[in-house]
Amino acid sequence: MSSRERILGRVRRALADASGEDTPIERTYLREHGDRTVEETTELLAENLADYRAIVHRCAPDDLAATLAGMLAARGTKTVLVPPGLDPSWLAEADAEQVPDRPESTPHELDRIDSVVTACAVAVAETGTIVLDGGPDQGRRRITLVPDHHICVVQVPEQVVSSVPQALERLDPVRPLTWISGPSATSDIELDRVEGVHGPRTLEVVLVGAQPSAEVNS
């Protein structure tokens, strides 16, 4: 008897007592782990973002332009890539040259950009994940993968959810979704961590509307 025949024989024996009708599988996954307030959910998001080595800032809505300008200046950014639908007021105080996102931009041109600023579709507290869906204020996927520095603005509390199931309920599966948990990183067989291989080396997240507090670093 061949190996194929033995395997098929085991499958037939295993299915001998099985019903011919499809039985629905009951999914009992938790939609949220714990009962948290908005403040606790935001704090968990900040902690998990920092745990993934993202740099977290918090500011009031009226302070966003100044916060972004300060972040770009501190990094020495001379050029910043801007998605077509980004609110112009966000970068109104920035001194860096604003470069529009153009479909014809080559990877080499994008690689010469110092920073990119985007909004997000949703942020997941339990996993410290930012999700982009290619909306006008986020731009095409490659503009957040090629430049070395990505600043992502998250509106609190309206764009923050506790869990992945809650995030999926808000997202359109036909859109180009990019799930970001910290800066790009990979490790080789010796567990040597290298950042910036598949995306930006530095991720900074601004939580707008959260109670301003000290910057959170990884």
N, C-alpha and C. Protein backbone atom coordinates (compact mmCIF):
# COMPACT_ATOMS: atom_id res chain seq x y z
N MET A 1 0.86 -1.20 0.00
CA MET A 1 0.00 0.00 0.00
C MET A 1 0.89 1.24 0.00
N SER A 2 0.55 2.19 -0.88
CA SER A 2 1.35 3.41 -0.97
C SER A 2 1.01 4.36 0.17
N SER A 3 1.88 5.35 0.36
CA SER A 3 1.65 6.36 1.40
C SER A 3 0.34 7.11 1.13
N ARG A 4 0.07 7.38 -0.13
CA ARG A 4 -1.16 8.09 -0.48
C ARG A 4 -2.38 7.27 -0.08
N GLU A 5 -2.36 5.99 -0.35
CA GLU A 5 -3.50 5.14 -0.01
C GLU A 5 -3.68 5.03 1.49
N ARG A 6 -2.58 4.96 2.24
CA ARG A 6 -2.69 4.89 3.70
C ARG A 6 -3.32 6.16 4.26
N ILE A 7 -2.90 7.32 3.74
CA ILE A 7 -3.44 8.60 4.23
C ILE A 7 -4.92 8.71 3.90
N LEU A 8 -5.29 8.36 2.68
CA LEU A 8 -6.70 8.44 2.30
C LEU A 8 -7.54 7.47 3.11
N GLY A 9 -6.99 6.31 3.43
CA GLY A 9 -7.71 5.35 4.26
C GLY A 9 -7.98 5.90 5.65
N ARG A 10 -6.99 6.59 6.21
CA ARG A 10 -7.18 7.19 7.53
C ARG A 10 -8.24 8.28 7.48
N VAL A 11 -8.25 9.05 6.40
CA VAL A 11 -9.25 10.12 6.26
C VAL A 11 -10.65 9.51 6.17
N ARG A 12 -10.80 8.45 5.39
CA ARG A 12 -12.12 7.81 5.25
C ARG A 12 -12.62 7.25 6.58
N ARG A 13 -11.71 6.63 7.35
CA ARG A 13 -12.11 6.09 8.65
C ARG A 13 -12.49 7.20 9.61
N ALA A 14 -11.78 8.30 9.55
CA ALA A 14 -12.07 9.42 10.44
C ALA A 14 -13.42 10.05 10.12
N LEU A 15 -13.81 9.99 8.83
CA LEU A 15 -15.06 10.62 8.41
C LEU A 15 -16.24 9.65 8.41
N ALA A 16 -15.99 8.42 8.76
CA ALA A 16 -17.06 7.42 8.67
C ALA A 16 -18.27 7.77 9.51
N ASP A 17 -18.05 8.32 10.70
CA ASP A 17 -19.16 8.64 11.61
C ASP A 17 -19.60 10.09 11.50
N ALA A 18 -19.01 10.84 10.59
CA ALA A 18 -19.33 12.27 10.50
C ALA A 18 -20.66 12.47 9.80
N SER A 19 -21.39 13.47 10.25
CA SER A 19 -22.66 13.81 9.63
C SER A 19 -22.42 14.45 8.27
N GLY A 20 -23.33 14.20 7.35
CA GLY A 20 -23.19 14.78 6.02
C GLY A 20 -23.59 16.24 5.98
N GLU A 21 -24.16 16.74 7.05
CA GLU A 21 -24.61 18.13 7.08
C GLU A 21 -23.51 19.01 7.68
N ASP A 22 -23.41 20.21 7.13
CA ASP A 22 -22.45 21.18 7.65
C ASP A 22 -22.98 21.75 8.96
N THR A 23 -22.18 21.63 10.01
CA THR A 23 -22.58 22.14 11.32
C THR A 23 -21.87 23.47 11.56
N PRO A 24 -22.62 24.54 11.79
CA PRO A 24 -21.98 25.83 12.05
C PRO A 24 -21.06 25.75 13.27
N ILE A 25 -19.92 26.40 13.15
CA ILE A 25 -18.96 26.45 14.26
C ILE A 25 -19.23 27.71 15.07
N GLU A 26 -19.44 27.53 16.32
CA GLU A 26 -19.73 28.68 17.17
C GLU A 26 -18.43 29.38 17.55
N ARG A 27 -18.34 30.66 17.25
CA ARG A 27 -17.16 31.46 17.59
C ARG A 27 -17.46 32.22 18.88
N THR A 28 -16.64 32.01 19.88
CA THR A 28 -16.89 32.65 21.18
C THR A 28 -15.74 33.57 21.56
N TYR A 29 -15.10 34.15 20.55
CA TYR A 29 -13.99 35.05 20.84
C TYR A 29 -14.51 36.30 21.58
N LEU A 30 -13.71 36.80 22.49
CA LEU A 30 -14.05 38.05 23.17
C LEU A 30 -13.83 39.22 22.24
N ARG A 31 -14.75 40.14 22.19
CA ARG A 31 -14.57 41.34 21.37
C ARG A 31 -13.66 42.33 22.06
N GLU A 32 -13.54 42.24 23.37
CA GLU A 32 -12.71 43.17 24.13
C GLU A 32 -12.26 42.46 25.40
N HIS A 33 -11.02 42.65 25.77
CA HIS A 33 -10.47 42.00 26.96
C HIS A 33 -10.49 43.00 28.12
N GLY A 34 -11.54 42.94 28.92
CA GLY A 34 -11.65 43.87 30.04
C GLY A 34 -12.62 44.99 29.74
N ASP A 35 -13.00 45.69 30.77
CA ASP A 35 -13.94 46.81 30.66
C ASP A 35 -13.19 48.08 31.02
N ARG A 36 -12.78 48.85 29.99
CA ARG A 36 -11.95 50.02 30.21
C ARG A 36 -12.71 51.31 29.86
N THR A 37 -12.36 52.38 30.55
CA THR A 37 -12.88 53.69 30.20
C THR A 37 -12.11 54.20 28.97
N VAL A 38 -12.59 55.32 28.40
CA VAL A 38 -11.91 55.93 27.26
C VAL A 38 -10.48 56.29 27.65
N GLU A 39 -10.31 56.85 28.84
CA GLU A 39 -8.98 57.24 29.29
C GLU A 39 -8.06 56.03 29.44
N GLU A 40 -8.59 54.94 29.98
CA GLU A 40 -7.78 53.73 30.16
C GLU A 40 -7.43 53.11 28.82
N THR A 41 -8.35 53.15 27.87
CA THR A 41 -8.09 52.61 26.54
C THR A 41 -6.99 53.41 25.85
N THR A 42 -7.07 54.74 25.97
CA THR A 42 -6.05 55.59 25.37
C THR A 42 -4.69 55.36 26.02
N GLU A 43 -4.68 55.19 27.33
CA GLU A 43 -3.43 54.93 28.03
C GLU A 43 -2.82 53.60 27.59
N LEU A 44 -3.67 52.59 27.40
CA LEU A 44 -3.19 51.29 26.94
C LEU A 44 -2.60 51.41 25.54
N LEU A 45 -3.25 52.18 24.67
CA LEU A 45 -2.72 52.40 23.33
C LEU A 45 -1.34 53.03 23.40
N ALA A 46 -1.19 54.07 24.21
CA ALA A 46 0.10 54.75 24.34
C ALA A 46 1.17 53.80 24.86
N GLU A 47 0.83 52.99 25.84
CA GLU A 47 1.80 52.05 26.41
C GLU A 47 2.24 51.01 25.39
N ASN A 48 1.30 50.47 24.63
CA ASN A 48 1.65 49.44 23.66
C ASN A 48 2.39 50.01 22.46
N LEU A 49 2.05 51.23 22.05
CA LEU A 49 2.81 51.88 20.99
C LEU A 49 4.27 52.05 21.42
N ALA A 50 4.46 52.53 22.64
CA ALA A 50 5.82 52.73 23.16
C ALA A 50 6.55 51.40 23.29
N ASP A 51 5.81 50.35 23.66
CA ASP A 51 6.42 49.04 23.80
C ASP A 51 6.95 48.54 22.46
N TYR A 52 6.34 48.97 21.37
CA TYR A 52 6.81 48.62 20.03
C TYR A 52 7.85 49.61 19.51
N ARG A 53 8.34 50.47 20.39
CA ARG A 53 9.39 51.44 20.08
C ARG A 53 8.91 52.60 19.21
N ALA A 54 7.63 52.88 19.24
CA ALA A 54 7.14 54.12 18.65
C ALA A 54 7.30 55.24 19.68
N ILE A 55 7.36 56.47 19.22
CA ILE A 55 7.44 57.63 20.11
C ILE A 55 6.05 58.27 20.14
N VAL A 56 5.51 58.42 21.32
CA VAL A 56 4.13 58.88 21.46
C VAL A 56 4.10 60.31 22.02
N HIS A 57 3.31 61.15 21.38
CA HIS A 57 3.09 62.52 21.84
C HIS A 57 1.59 62.70 22.07
N ARG A 58 1.25 63.63 22.96
CA ARG A 58 -0.16 63.95 23.18
C ARG A 58 -0.33 65.45 23.15
N CYS A 59 -1.42 65.88 22.57
CA CYS A 59 -1.66 67.33 22.52
C CYS A 59 -3.16 67.60 22.36
N ALA A 60 -3.54 68.81 22.67
CA ALA A 60 -4.91 69.26 22.43
C ALA A 60 -5.05 69.61 20.95
N PRO A 61 -6.27 69.60 20.42
CA PRO A 61 -6.46 69.91 18.99
C PRO A 61 -5.86 71.25 18.58
N ASP A 62 -5.99 72.26 19.43
CA ASP A 62 -5.47 73.59 19.08
C ASP A 62 -3.95 73.63 19.05
N ASP A 63 -3.30 72.64 19.63
CA ASP A 63 -1.85 72.63 19.69
C ASP A 63 -1.21 71.71 18.66
N LEU A 64 -2.02 71.10 17.78
CA LEU A 64 -1.49 70.12 16.85
C LEU A 64 -0.46 70.73 15.90
N ALA A 65 -0.77 71.88 15.32
CA ALA A 65 0.16 72.49 14.36
C ALA A 65 1.51 72.77 15.00
N ALA A 66 1.49 73.32 16.21
CA ALA A 66 2.74 73.62 16.90
C ALA A 66 3.48 72.34 17.27
N THR A 67 2.73 71.31 17.66
CA THR A 67 3.35 70.03 18.02
C THR A 67 4.05 69.41 16.82
N LEU A 68 3.38 69.38 15.68
CA LEU A 68 3.98 68.81 14.48
C LEU A 68 5.19 69.62 14.03
N ALA A 69 5.08 70.93 14.09
CA ALA A 69 6.20 71.78 13.70
C ALA A 69 7.41 71.52 14.59
N GLY A 70 7.17 71.37 15.89
CA GLY A 70 8.25 71.09 16.82
C GLY A 70 8.89 69.73 16.57
N MET A 71 8.08 68.73 16.26
CA MET A 71 8.60 67.39 15.99
C MET A 71 9.47 67.38 14.74
N LEU A 72 9.01 68.05 13.69
CA LEU A 72 9.79 68.10 12.44
C LEU A 72 11.08 68.88 12.63
N ALA A 73 11.01 69.98 13.38
CA ALA A 73 12.21 70.77 13.62
C ALA A 73 13.23 70.00 14.45
N ALA A 74 12.74 69.27 15.45
CA ALA A 74 13.64 68.50 16.31
C ALA A 74 14.38 67.42 15.53
N ARG A 75 13.76 66.90 14.50
CA ARG A 75 14.39 65.87 13.68
C ARG A 75 15.27 66.47 12.59
N GLY A 76 15.14 67.78 12.36
CA GLY A 76 15.91 68.41 11.30
C GLY A 76 15.31 68.17 9.93
N THR A 77 14.01 67.96 9.88
CA THR A 77 13.32 67.67 8.62
C THR A 77 13.33 68.88 7.70
N LYS A 78 13.79 68.68 6.48
CA LYS A 78 13.76 69.75 5.47
C LYS A 78 12.65 69.55 4.46
N THR A 79 12.25 68.29 4.23
CA THR A 79 11.15 68.00 3.30
C THR A 79 10.17 67.05 3.97
N VAL A 80 8.89 67.34 3.83
CA VAL A 80 7.86 66.49 4.42
C VAL A 80 6.83 66.15 3.36
N LEU A 81 6.52 64.88 3.21
CA LEU A 81 5.56 64.41 2.22
C LEU A 81 4.14 64.57 2.77
N VAL A 82 3.25 65.09 1.94
CA VAL A 82 1.90 65.44 2.40
C VAL A 82 0.85 64.73 1.53
N PRO A 83 0.00 63.88 2.11
CA PRO A 83 -1.10 63.27 1.35
C PRO A 83 -2.05 64.35 0.85
N PRO A 84 -2.76 64.11 -0.24
CA PRO A 84 -3.60 65.15 -0.84
C PRO A 84 -4.74 65.63 0.05
N GLY A 85 -5.24 64.76 0.94
CA GLY A 85 -6.37 65.15 1.77
C GLY A 85 -6.01 65.55 3.18
N LEU A 86 -4.72 65.73 3.46
CA LEU A 86 -4.33 66.12 4.82
C LEU A 86 -4.80 67.54 5.11
N ASP A 87 -5.32 67.77 6.30
CA ASP A 87 -5.78 69.09 6.70
C ASP A 87 -4.60 70.08 6.63
N PRO A 88 -4.68 71.13 5.79
CA PRO A 88 -3.56 72.07 5.64
C PRO A 88 -3.16 72.74 6.95
N SER A 89 -4.10 72.89 7.88
CA SER A 89 -3.78 73.57 9.14
C SER A 89 -2.80 72.77 9.99
N TRP A 90 -2.71 71.45 9.77
CA TRP A 90 -1.82 70.63 10.58
C TRP A 90 -0.36 71.05 10.41
N LEU A 91 0.02 71.43 9.20
CA LEU A 91 1.42 71.78 8.93
C LEU A 91 1.60 73.27 8.69
N ALA A 92 0.64 74.06 9.16
CA ALA A 92 0.68 75.50 8.91
C ALA A 92 1.88 76.17 9.57
N GLU A 93 2.41 75.61 10.65
CA GLU A 93 3.53 76.23 11.36
C GLU A 93 4.86 75.54 11.07
N ALA A 94 4.86 74.56 10.21
CA ALA A 94 6.09 73.82 9.91
C ALA A 94 6.95 74.60 8.92
N ASP A 95 8.27 74.59 9.15
CA ASP A 95 9.20 75.28 8.26
C ASP A 95 9.66 74.40 7.10
N ALA A 96 9.47 73.10 7.21
CA ALA A 96 9.94 72.18 6.17
C ALA A 96 9.17 72.39 4.87
N GLU A 97 9.84 72.10 3.76
CA GLU A 97 9.20 72.16 2.45
C GLU A 97 8.16 71.04 2.35
N GLN A 98 6.94 71.38 1.99
CA GLN A 98 5.88 70.39 1.87
C GLN A 98 5.84 69.85 0.45
N VAL A 99 6.05 68.54 0.33
CA VAL A 99 6.10 67.89 -0.98
C VAL A 99 4.80 67.11 -1.19
N PRO A 100 4.01 67.43 -2.21
CA PRO A 100 2.75 66.72 -2.43
C PRO A 100 3.00 65.29 -2.89
N ASP A 101 2.10 64.42 -2.51
CA ASP A 101 2.15 63.03 -2.95
C ASP A 101 1.72 62.97 -4.42
N ARG A 102 2.62 62.49 -5.29
CA ARG A 102 2.33 62.41 -6.72
C ARG A 102 2.42 60.95 -7.19
N PRO A 103 1.47 60.49 -7.98
CA PRO A 103 1.52 59.10 -8.46
C PRO A 103 2.80 58.78 -9.22
N GLU A 104 3.37 59.80 -9.88
CA GLU A 104 4.56 59.54 -10.70
C GLU A 104 5.86 59.55 -9.90
N SER A 105 5.79 59.82 -8.60
CA SER A 105 7.00 59.83 -7.79
C SER A 105 7.65 58.44 -7.78
N THR A 106 8.94 58.40 -7.98
CA THR A 106 9.67 57.13 -7.99
C THR A 106 10.08 56.76 -6.57
N PRO A 107 10.40 55.48 -6.33
CA PRO A 107 10.90 55.09 -5.00
C PRO A 107 12.14 55.86 -4.59
N HIS A 108 13.00 56.18 -5.55
CA HIS A 108 14.22 56.94 -5.23
C HIS A 108 13.86 58.36 -4.77
N GLU A 109 12.85 58.96 -5.41
CA GLU A 109 12.42 60.29 -4.98
C GLU A 109 11.81 60.24 -3.58
N LEU A 110 11.00 59.23 -3.31
CA LEU A 110 10.41 59.09 -1.98
C LEU A 110 11.47 58.83 -0.93
N ASP A 111 12.51 58.12 -1.30
CA ASP A 111 13.57 57.80 -0.35
C ASP A 111 14.33 59.05 0.09
N ARG A 112 14.31 60.08 -0.74
CA ARG A 112 15.01 61.32 -0.40
C ARG A 112 14.18 62.24 0.49
N ILE A 113 12.90 61.89 0.70
CA ILE A 113 12.03 62.68 1.58
C ILE A 113 12.41 62.40 3.03
N ASP A 114 12.48 63.45 3.84
CA ASP A 114 12.89 63.29 5.24
C ASP A 114 11.78 62.68 6.09
N SER A 115 10.55 63.16 5.93
CA SER A 115 9.45 62.73 6.80
C SER A 115 8.15 62.68 6.01
N VAL A 116 7.17 61.95 6.55
CA VAL A 116 5.82 61.94 6.00
C VAL A 116 4.85 62.07 7.17
N VAL A 117 3.80 62.86 6.97
CA VAL A 117 2.77 63.06 8.00
C VAL A 117 1.44 62.56 7.44
N THR A 118 0.77 61.70 8.20
CA THR A 118 -0.53 61.19 7.77
C THR A 118 -1.51 61.15 8.93
N ALA A 119 -2.76 60.98 8.60
CA ALA A 119 -3.78 60.62 9.58
C ALA A 119 -3.84 59.10 9.63
N CYS A 120 -4.89 58.53 10.24
CA CYS A 120 -5.06 57.09 10.26
C CYS A 120 -6.54 56.77 10.13
N ALA A 121 -6.85 55.48 9.92
CA ALA A 121 -8.24 55.04 9.87
C ALA A 121 -8.73 54.65 11.25
N VAL A 122 -7.90 53.94 11.99
CA VAL A 122 -8.26 53.50 13.33
C VAL A 122 -6.99 53.09 14.06
N ALA A 123 -7.03 53.10 15.40
CA ALA A 123 -5.91 52.66 16.22
C ALA A 123 -6.42 51.65 17.23
N VAL A 124 -5.68 50.56 17.42
CA VAL A 124 -6.10 49.44 18.28
C VAL A 124 -5.26 49.46 19.56
N ALA A 125 -5.93 49.66 20.69
CA ALA A 125 -5.22 49.80 21.96
C ALA A 125 -4.56 48.51 22.41
N GLU A 126 -5.27 47.39 22.32
CA GLU A 126 -4.76 46.13 22.87
C GLU A 126 -3.52 45.63 22.15
N THR A 127 -3.34 46.03 20.90
CA THR A 127 -2.17 45.57 20.15
C THR A 127 -1.20 46.69 19.80
N GLY A 128 -1.54 47.93 20.15
CA GLY A 128 -0.66 49.05 19.81
C GLY A 128 -0.49 49.20 18.31
N THR A 129 -1.59 49.05 17.58
CA THR A 129 -1.54 49.03 16.12
C THR A 129 -2.26 50.23 15.51
N ILE A 130 -1.62 50.85 14.52
CA ILE A 130 -2.23 51.91 13.73
C ILE A 130 -2.62 51.31 12.38
N VAL A 131 -3.84 51.58 11.91
CA VAL A 131 -4.28 51.05 10.62
C VAL A 131 -4.53 52.21 9.66
N LEU A 132 -3.93 52.12 8.48
CA LEU A 132 -4.16 53.07 7.40
C LEU A 132 -4.98 52.37 6.33
N ASP A 133 -5.90 53.10 5.70
CA ASP A 133 -6.72 52.48 4.66
C ASP A 133 -6.62 53.19 3.31
N GLY A 134 -5.58 54.01 3.15
CA GLY A 134 -5.40 54.68 1.87
C GLY A 134 -6.33 55.83 1.63
N GLY A 135 -6.96 56.34 2.69
CA GLY A 135 -7.86 57.49 2.55
C GLY A 135 -7.10 58.73 2.13
N PRO A 136 -7.81 59.79 1.72
CA PRO A 136 -7.15 61.01 1.23
C PRO A 136 -6.17 61.62 2.22
N ASP A 137 -6.43 61.51 3.52
CA ASP A 137 -5.51 62.09 4.51
C ASP A 137 -4.41 61.12 4.92
N GLN A 138 -4.37 59.95 4.26
CA GLN A 138 -3.31 58.97 4.54
C GLN A 138 -2.46 58.68 3.32
N GLY A 139 -3.02 58.87 2.15
CA GLY A 139 -2.26 58.69 0.93
C GLY A 139 -2.03 57.23 0.57
N ARG A 140 -1.25 57.03 -0.49
CA ARG A 140 -0.98 55.68 -0.96
C ARG A 140 -0.04 54.95 0.00
N ARG A 141 -0.09 53.64 -0.03
CA ARG A 141 0.66 52.83 0.92
C ARG A 141 2.15 53.12 0.88
N ARG A 142 2.71 53.32 -0.31
CA ARG A 142 4.16 53.43 -0.41
C ARG A 142 4.72 54.69 0.23
N ILE A 143 3.90 55.73 0.40
CA ILE A 143 4.46 56.94 0.99
C ILE A 143 4.72 56.78 2.49
N THR A 144 4.14 55.75 3.10
CA THR A 144 4.43 55.50 4.51
C THR A 144 5.39 54.34 4.68
N LEU A 145 5.87 53.76 3.59
CA LEU A 145 6.82 52.65 3.67
C LEU A 145 8.23 53.03 3.24
N VAL A 146 8.35 54.02 2.35
CA VAL A 146 9.68 54.36 1.83
C VAL A 146 10.40 55.42 2.67
N PRO A 147 9.80 56.57 2.98
CA PRO A 147 10.50 57.55 3.82
C PRO A 147 10.89 56.96 5.18
N ASP A 148 11.96 57.46 5.76
CA ASP A 148 12.53 56.87 6.97
C ASP A 148 11.80 57.30 8.25
N HIS A 149 10.95 58.32 8.16
CA HIS A 149 10.32 58.88 9.35
C HIS A 149 8.83 59.11 9.07
N HIS A 150 7.97 58.48 9.86
CA HIS A 150 6.53 58.59 9.68
C HIS A 150 5.91 59.17 10.95
N ILE A 151 5.17 60.26 10.79
CA ILE A 151 4.37 60.84 11.86
C ILE A 151 2.90 60.54 11.56
N CYS A 152 2.23 59.88 12.48
CA CYS A 152 0.82 59.52 12.29
C CYS A 152 -0.02 60.19 13.37
N VAL A 153 -1.07 60.88 12.95
CA VAL A 153 -1.95 61.60 13.86
C VAL A 153 -3.21 60.76 14.11
N VAL A 154 -3.52 60.56 15.38
CA VAL A 154 -4.68 59.77 15.78
C VAL A 154 -5.64 60.67 16.57
N GLN A 155 -6.89 60.71 16.15
CA GLN A 155 -7.89 61.50 16.85
C GLN A 155 -8.46 60.67 18.00
N VAL A 156 -8.39 61.23 19.21
CA VAL A 156 -8.87 60.54 20.41
C VAL A 156 -10.12 61.26 20.92
N PRO A 157 -11.18 60.52 21.23
CA PRO A 157 -11.31 59.05 21.26
C PRO A 157 -11.90 58.43 20.00
N GLU A 158 -12.30 59.26 19.01
CA GLU A 158 -13.12 58.73 17.92
C GLU A 158 -12.41 57.71 17.04
N GLN A 159 -11.08 57.75 16.97
CA GLN A 159 -10.37 56.78 16.12
C GLN A 159 -9.72 55.65 16.92
N VAL A 160 -9.98 55.58 18.21
CA VAL A 160 -9.34 54.57 19.06
C VAL A 160 -10.36 53.52 19.47
N VAL A 161 -10.00 52.25 19.27
CA VAL A 161 -10.82 51.13 19.73
C VAL A 161 -9.97 50.23 20.60
N SER A 162 -10.61 49.36 21.36
CA SER A 162 -9.87 48.47 22.25
C SER A 162 -9.24 47.30 21.52
N SER A 163 -9.98 46.67 20.61
CA SER A 163 -9.55 45.37 20.10
C SER A 163 -9.56 45.31 18.58
N VAL A 164 -8.90 44.26 18.06
CA VAL A 164 -8.88 44.02 16.62
C VAL A 164 -10.29 43.78 16.06
N PRO A 165 -11.15 42.95 16.72
CA PRO A 165 -12.51 42.79 16.19
C PRO A 165 -13.26 44.11 16.06
N GLN A 166 -13.09 45.00 17.01
CA GLN A 166 -13.75 46.30 16.92
C GLN A 166 -13.19 47.12 15.77
N ALA A 167 -11.88 47.00 15.51
CA ALA A 167 -11.27 47.72 14.39
C ALA A 167 -11.79 47.19 13.07
N LEU A 168 -11.92 45.87 12.95
CA LEU A 168 -12.38 45.28 11.70
C LEU A 168 -13.79 45.72 11.34
N GLU A 169 -14.60 45.98 12.36
CA GLU A 169 -15.97 46.44 12.11
C GLU A 169 -15.99 47.82 11.45
N ARG A 170 -14.92 48.58 11.64
CA ARG A 170 -14.86 49.94 11.08
C ARG A 170 -14.18 49.99 9.72
N LEU A 171 -13.47 48.94 9.35
CA LEU A 171 -12.65 48.97 8.15
C LEU A 171 -13.34 48.32 6.97
N ASP A 172 -13.05 48.85 5.78
CA ASP A 172 -13.58 48.29 4.54
C ASP A 172 -12.54 47.29 4.01
N PRO A 173 -12.87 46.00 3.93
CA PRO A 173 -11.89 44.99 3.54
C PRO A 173 -11.40 45.12 2.11
N VAL A 174 -12.09 45.89 1.26
CA VAL A 174 -11.64 46.04 -0.13
C VAL A 174 -10.63 47.16 -0.28
N ARG A 175 -10.40 47.94 0.78
CA ARG A 175 -9.43 49.01 0.71
C ARG A 175 -8.04 48.46 1.03
N PRO A 176 -6.97 49.17 0.61
CA PRO A 176 -5.60 48.71 0.86
C PRO A 176 -5.20 49.00 2.31
N LEU A 177 -5.38 48.05 3.19
CA LEU A 177 -5.14 48.26 4.61
C LEU A 177 -3.68 48.01 4.96
N THR A 178 -3.09 48.93 5.71
CA THR A 178 -1.73 48.78 6.22
C THR A 178 -1.79 48.79 7.74
N TRP A 179 -1.37 47.70 8.36
CA TRP A 179 -1.40 47.57 9.82
C TRP A 179 0.01 47.82 10.34
N ILE A 180 0.16 48.81 11.19
CA ILE A 180 1.48 49.23 11.66
C ILE A 180 1.55 49.07 13.17
N SER A 181 2.47 48.23 13.61
CA SER A 181 2.73 48.07 15.05
C SER A 181 4.18 48.45 15.30
N GLY A 182 4.43 49.73 15.48
CA GLY A 182 5.78 50.22 15.70
C GLY A 182 6.54 50.41 14.41
N PRO A 183 7.77 50.90 14.48
CA PRO A 183 8.59 51.07 13.28
C PRO A 183 8.91 49.72 12.67
N SER A 184 9.26 49.74 11.39
CA SER A 184 9.61 48.50 10.70
C SER A 184 10.82 47.86 11.37
N ALA A 185 10.75 46.55 11.60
CA ALA A 185 11.86 45.85 12.24
C ALA A 185 11.87 44.39 11.84
N THR A 186 13.05 43.81 11.83
CA THR A 186 13.20 42.38 11.58
C THR A 186 14.41 41.87 12.34
N SER A 187 14.46 40.58 12.59
CA SER A 187 15.59 39.97 13.29
C SER A 187 16.08 38.77 12.50
N ASP A 188 17.40 38.57 12.49
CA ASP A 188 17.95 37.41 11.80
C ASP A 188 18.00 36.22 12.75
N ILE A 189 18.64 35.15 12.31
CA ILE A 189 18.67 33.93 13.11
C ILE A 189 19.42 34.11 14.42
N GLU A 190 20.29 35.11 14.48
CA GLU A 190 21.01 35.42 15.72
C GLU A 190 20.23 36.39 16.61
N LEU A 191 19.00 36.74 16.18
CA LEU A 191 18.13 37.66 16.92
C LEU A 191 18.68 39.08 16.98
N ASP A 192 19.50 39.45 15.99
CA ASP A 192 19.97 40.83 15.89
C ASP A 192 18.87 41.65 15.22
N ARG A 193 18.34 42.63 15.93
CA ARG A 193 17.22 43.44 15.44
C ARG A 193 17.73 44.55 14.52
N VAL A 194 17.09 44.67 13.37
CA VAL A 194 17.41 45.74 12.43
C VAL A 194 16.12 46.49 12.12
N GLU A 195 16.15 47.81 12.24
CA GLU A 195 14.95 48.61 12.00
C GLU A 195 15.06 49.35 10.68
N GLY A 196 13.92 49.55 10.04
CA GLY A 196 13.88 50.31 8.80
C GLY A 196 14.05 49.48 7.55
N VAL A 197 13.92 48.16 7.64
CA VAL A 197 14.13 47.30 6.47
C VAL A 197 12.92 47.33 5.55
N HIS A 198 11.73 47.20 6.11
CA HIS A 198 10.52 47.10 5.31
C HIS A 198 9.62 48.33 5.45
N GLY A 199 10.11 49.39 6.05
CA GLY A 199 9.30 50.58 6.27
C GLY A 199 10.11 51.61 7.04
N PRO A 200 9.45 52.61 7.63
CA PRO A 200 10.18 53.68 8.31
C PRO A 200 10.95 53.18 9.53
N ARG A 201 12.12 53.78 9.72
CA ARG A 201 12.95 53.44 10.88
C ARG A 201 12.38 54.06 12.15
N THR A 202 11.69 55.18 12.00
CA THR A 202 11.15 55.89 13.16
C THR A 202 9.67 56.16 12.96
N LEU A 203 8.86 55.77 13.94
CA LEU A 203 7.41 56.04 13.93
C LEU A 203 7.08 56.91 15.12
N GLU A 204 6.46 58.05 14.85
CA GLU A 204 5.98 58.93 15.92
C GLU A 204 4.46 59.05 15.78
N VAL A 205 3.77 58.91 16.89
CA VAL A 205 2.31 58.94 16.90
C VAL A 205 1.85 60.09 17.78
N VAL A 206 0.97 60.91 17.24
CA VAL A 206 0.41 62.04 18.00
C VAL A 206 -1.03 61.72 18.35
N LEU A 207 -1.33 61.63 19.63
CA LEU A 207 -2.69 61.39 20.10
C LEU A 207 -3.33 62.74 20.36
N VAL A 208 -4.24 63.13 19.50
CA VAL A 208 -4.83 64.47 19.56
C VAL A 208 -6.15 64.41 20.31
N GLY A 209 -6.25 65.19 21.38
CA GLY A 209 -7.45 65.21 22.18
C GLY A 209 -7.24 64.53 23.51
N ALA A 210 -6.18 63.73 23.61
CA ALA A 210 -5.84 63.10 24.89
C ALA A 210 -5.29 64.14 25.83
N GLN A 211 -5.36 63.85 27.11
CA GLN A 211 -4.82 64.75 28.11
C GLN A 211 -3.32 64.92 27.88
N PRO A 212 -2.84 66.13 27.60
CA PRO A 212 -1.41 66.32 27.36
C PRO A 212 -0.60 65.84 28.55
N SER A 213 0.49 65.14 28.25
CA SER A 213 1.38 64.65 29.30
C SER A 213 2.76 64.49 28.73
N ALA A 214 3.68 63.98 29.54
CA ALA A 214 5.05 63.81 29.07
C ALA A 214 5.10 62.84 27.92
N GLU A 215 6.08 63.06 27.03
CA GLU A 215 6.27 62.18 25.89
C GLU A 215 6.59 60.78 26.38
N VAL A 216 6.06 59.77 25.65
CA VAL A 216 6.30 58.39 26.00
C VAL A 216 7.28 57.81 25.00
N ASN A 217 8.41 57.29 25.48
CA ASN A 217 9.41 56.70 24.61
C ASN A 217 9.48 55.21 24.88
N SER A 218 9.95 54.51 23.86
CA SER A 218 10.16 53.07 24.04
C SER A 218 11.38 52.85 24.90
